[in-house]
């Protein structure tokens, strides 16, 4: 008795392009650095760093995970510098106002 079924061939699965959450958070950290209060960028960057470090520790060698960690680090550093500058400018302005009043 002959089988009328078609032969079974395994088709190679498409490689899934996986976007790391650290990649998305790194991009958002840099975008929010330019358009919103820097504290949002700082928070997103720190979360991206934590997730990126977890991915790196797990052994995910995805280039997007590495790029996300790097962008998150850049976002944290730049937003920290900008927050420091804003606080310094406010303190200098307050000192100038106090001196001019006295």
C-alpha atoms as a PDB file:
ATOM      1  CA  UNK A   1       0.000   0.000   0.000  1.00  0.00           C
ATOM      2  CA  UNK A   2       1.470   3.311  -1.075  1.00  0.00           C
ATOM      3  CA  UNK A   3       1.222   6.411   0.998  1.00  0.00           C
ATOM      4  CA  UNK A   4      -0.222   9.407  -0.780  1.00  0.00           C
ATOM      5  CA  UNK A   5       1.120  11.855   1.758  1.00  0.00           C
ATOM      6  CA  UNK A   6       3.630  14.433   0.701  1.00  0.00           C
ATOM      7  CA  UNK A   7       7.119  13.986   2.093  1.00  0.00           C
ATOM      8  CA  UNK A   8       7.844  15.963   5.224  1.00  0.00           C
ATOM      9  CA  UNK A   9      10.492  18.624   4.822  1.00  0.00           C
ATOM     10  CA  UNK A  10      11.695  20.775   7.632  1.00  0.00           C
ATOM     11  CA  UNK A  11      11.694  24.372   6.636  1.00  0.00           C
ATOM     12  CA  UNK A  12      14.259  26.544   8.346  1.00  0.00           C
ATOM     13  CA  UNK A  13      12.630  28.950  10.727  1.00  0.00           C
ATOM     14  CA  UNK A  14      13.157  32.604  10.129  1.00  0.00           C
ATOM     15  CA  UNK A  15      15.544  34.184  12.549  1.00  0.00           C
ATOM     16  CA  UNK A  16      13.554  36.307  14.873  1.00  0.00           C
ATOM     17  CA  UNK A  17      14.880  39.786  15.246  1.00  0.00           C
ATOM     18  CA  UNK A  18      14.695  40.408  18.942  1.00  0.00           C
ATOM     19  CA  UNK A  19      14.687  43.895  20.311  1.00  0.00           C
ATOM     20  CA  UNK A  20      16.131  44.159  23.768  1.00  0.00           C
ATOM     21  CA  UNK A  21      14.210  46.243  26.294  1.00  0.00           C
ATOM     22  CA  UNK A  22      17.530  47.885  27.135  1.00  0.00           C
ATOM     23  CA  UNK A  23      17.778  49.018  23.496  1.00  0.00           C
ATOM     24  CA  UNK A  24      14.335  50.641  23.611  1.00  0.00           C
ATOM     25  CA  UNK A  25      14.980  52.258  26.997  1.00  0.00           C
ATOM     26  CA  UNK A  26      18.372  53.522  25.832  1.00  0.00           C
ATOM     27  CA  UNK A  27      16.802  55.222  22.825  1.00  0.00           C
ATOM     28  CA  UNK A  28      14.019  56.688  24.963  1.00  0.00           C
ATOM     29  CA  UNK A  29      16.557  57.925  27.487  1.00  0.00           C
ATOM     30  CA  UNK A  30      18.415  59.850  24.789  1.00  0.00           C
ATOM     31  CA  UNK A  31      15.204  61.189  23.225  1.00  0.00           C
ATOM     32  CA  UNK A  32      13.751  62.360  26.548  1.00  0.00           C
ATOM     33  CA  UNK A  33      17.083  63.991  27.342  1.00  0.00           C
ATOM     34  CA  UNK A  34      16.338  66.506  24.602  1.00  0.00           C
ATOM     35  CA  UNK A  35      12.592  67.056  24.949  1.00  0.00           C
ATOM     36  CA  UNK A  36      11.617  66.749  28.599  1.00  0.00           C
ATOM     37  CA  UNK A  37      12.842  67.181  32.144  1.00  0.00           C
ATOM     38  CA  UNK A  38      16.100  65.286  32.510  1.00  0.00           C
ATOM     39  CA  UNK A  39      14.845  63.279  35.486  1.00  0.00           C
ATOM     40  CA  UNK A  40      12.739  61.174  33.100  1.00  0.00           C
ATOM     41  CA  UNK A  41      15.817  60.468  31.010  1.00  0.00           C
ATOM     42  CA  UNK A  42      17.779  59.575  34.133  1.00  0.00           C
ATOM     43  CA  UNK A  43      15.133  57.099  35.328  1.00  0.00           C
ATOM     44  CA  UNK A  44      14.792  55.461  31.899  1.00  0.00           C
ATOM     45  CA  UNK A  45      18.562  55.237  31.596  1.00  0.00           C
ATOM     46  CA  UNK A  46      18.958  53.576  34.984  1.00  0.00           C
ATOM     47  CA  UNK A  47      16.244  51.036  34.178  1.00  0.00           C
ATOM     48  CA  UNK A  48      17.934  50.387  30.813  1.00  0.00           C
ATOM     49  CA  UNK A  49      21.279  49.865  32.546  1.00  0.00           C
ATOM     50  CA  UNK A  50      19.781  47.347  34.968  1.00  0.00           C
ATOM     51  CA  UNK A  51      18.037  45.399  32.212  1.00  0.00           C
ATOM     52  CA  UNK A  52      21.102  45.579  29.970  1.00  0.00           C
ATOM     53  CA  UNK A  53      23.348  44.310  32.774  1.00  0.00           C
ATOM     54  CA  UNK A  54      20.931  41.438  33.375  1.00  0.00           C
ATOM     55  CA  UNK A  55      20.977  40.540  29.673  1.00  0.00           C
ATOM     56  CA  UNK A  56      24.778  40.677  29.606  1.00  0.00           C
ATOM     57  CA  UNK A  57      25.048  38.497  32.715  1.00  0.00           C
ATOM     58  CA  UNK A  58      22.647  35.971  31.156  1.00  0.00           C
ATOM     59  CA  UNK A  59      24.932  35.722  28.170  1.00  0.00           C
ATOM     60  CA  UNK A  60      22.728  37.394  25.574  1.00  0.00           C
ATOM     61  CA  UNK A  61      25.271  38.504  23.042  1.00  0.00           C
ATOM     62  CA  UNK A  62      22.647  40.354  21.050  1.00  0.00           C
ATOM     63  CA  UNK A  63      24.139  43.479  19.548  1.00  0.00           C
ATOM     64  CA  UNK A  64      21.000  45.393  20.426  1.00  0.00           C
ATOM     65  CA  UNK A  65      21.356  44.502  24.099  1.00  0.00           C
ATOM     66  CA  UNK A  66      24.925  45.830  24.048  1.00  0.00           C
ATOM     67  CA  UNK A  67      23.870  48.975  22.181  1.00  0.00           C
ATOM     68  CA  UNK A  68      20.989  49.490  24.592  1.00  0.00           C
ATOM     69  CA  UNK A  69      23.289  49.234  27.586  1.00  0.00           C
ATOM     70  CA  UNK A  70      25.678  51.725  25.998  1.00  0.00           C
ATOM     71  CA  UNK A  71      22.918  54.198  25.095  1.00  0.00           C
ATOM     72  CA  UNK A  72      21.451  53.895  28.588  1.00  0.00           C
ATOM     73  CA  UNK A  73      24.866  54.646  30.081  1.00  0.00           C
ATOM     74  CA  UNK A  74      25.247  57.701  27.844  1.00  0.00           C
ATOM     75  CA  UNK A  75      21.733  58.841  28.779  1.00  0.00           C
ATOM     76  CA  UNK A  76      22.452  58.483  32.507  1.00  0.00           C
ATOM     77  CA  UNK A  77      25.746  60.365  32.283  1.00  0.00           C
ATOM     78  CA  UNK A  78      24.376  63.212  30.155  1.00  0.00           C
ATOM     79  CA  UNK A  79      21.182  63.624  32.162  1.00  0.00           C
ATOM     80  CA  UNK A  80      23.192  63.625  35.416  1.00  0.00           C
ATOM     81  CA  UNK A  81      25.454  66.356  34.025  1.00  0.00           C
ATOM     82  CA  UNK A  82      22.466  68.397  32.878  1.00  0.00           C
ATOM     83  CA  UNK A  83      20.691  68.023  36.226  1.00  0.00           C
ATOM     84  CA  UNK A  84      23.877  69.117  38.013  1.00  0.00           C
ATOM     85  CA  UNK A  85      24.204  72.152  35.699  1.00  0.00           C
ATOM     86  CA  UNK A  86      20.581  73.176  36.258  1.00  0.00           C
ATOM     87  CA  UNK A  87      21.015  72.944  40.027  1.00  0.00           C
ATOM     88  CA  UNK A  88      24.298  74.915  39.835  1.00  0.00           C
ATOM     89  CA  UNK A  89      22.688  77.652  37.725  1.00  0.00           C
ATOM     90  CA  UNK A  90      19.764  77.928  40.139  1.00  0.00           C
ATOM     91  CA  UNK A  91      22.129  78.183  43.104  1.00  0.00           C
ATOM     92  CA  UNK A  92      24.225  80.874  41.399  1.00  0.00           C
ATOM     93  CA  UNK A  93      21.098  82.821  40.511  1.00  0.00           C
ATOM     94  CA  UNK A  94      19.765  82.545  44.067  1.00  0.00           C
ATOM     95  CA  UNK A  95      23.117  83.708  45.439  1.00  0.00           C
ATOM     96  CA  UNK A  96      23.131  86.689  43.057  1.00  0.00           C
ATOM     97  CA  UNK A  97      19.616  87.616  44.128  1.00  0.00           C
ATOM     98  CA  UNK A  98      20.524  87.342  47.810  1.00  0.00           C
ATOM     99  CA  UNK A  99      23.627  89.481  47.337  1.00  0.00           C
ATOM    100  CA  UNK A 100      21.726  92.167  45.434  1.00  0.00           C
ATOM    101  CA  UNK A 101      19.041  92.328  48.130  1.00  0.00           C
ATOM    102  CA  UNK A 102      21.517  92.829  50.956  1.00  0.00           C
END
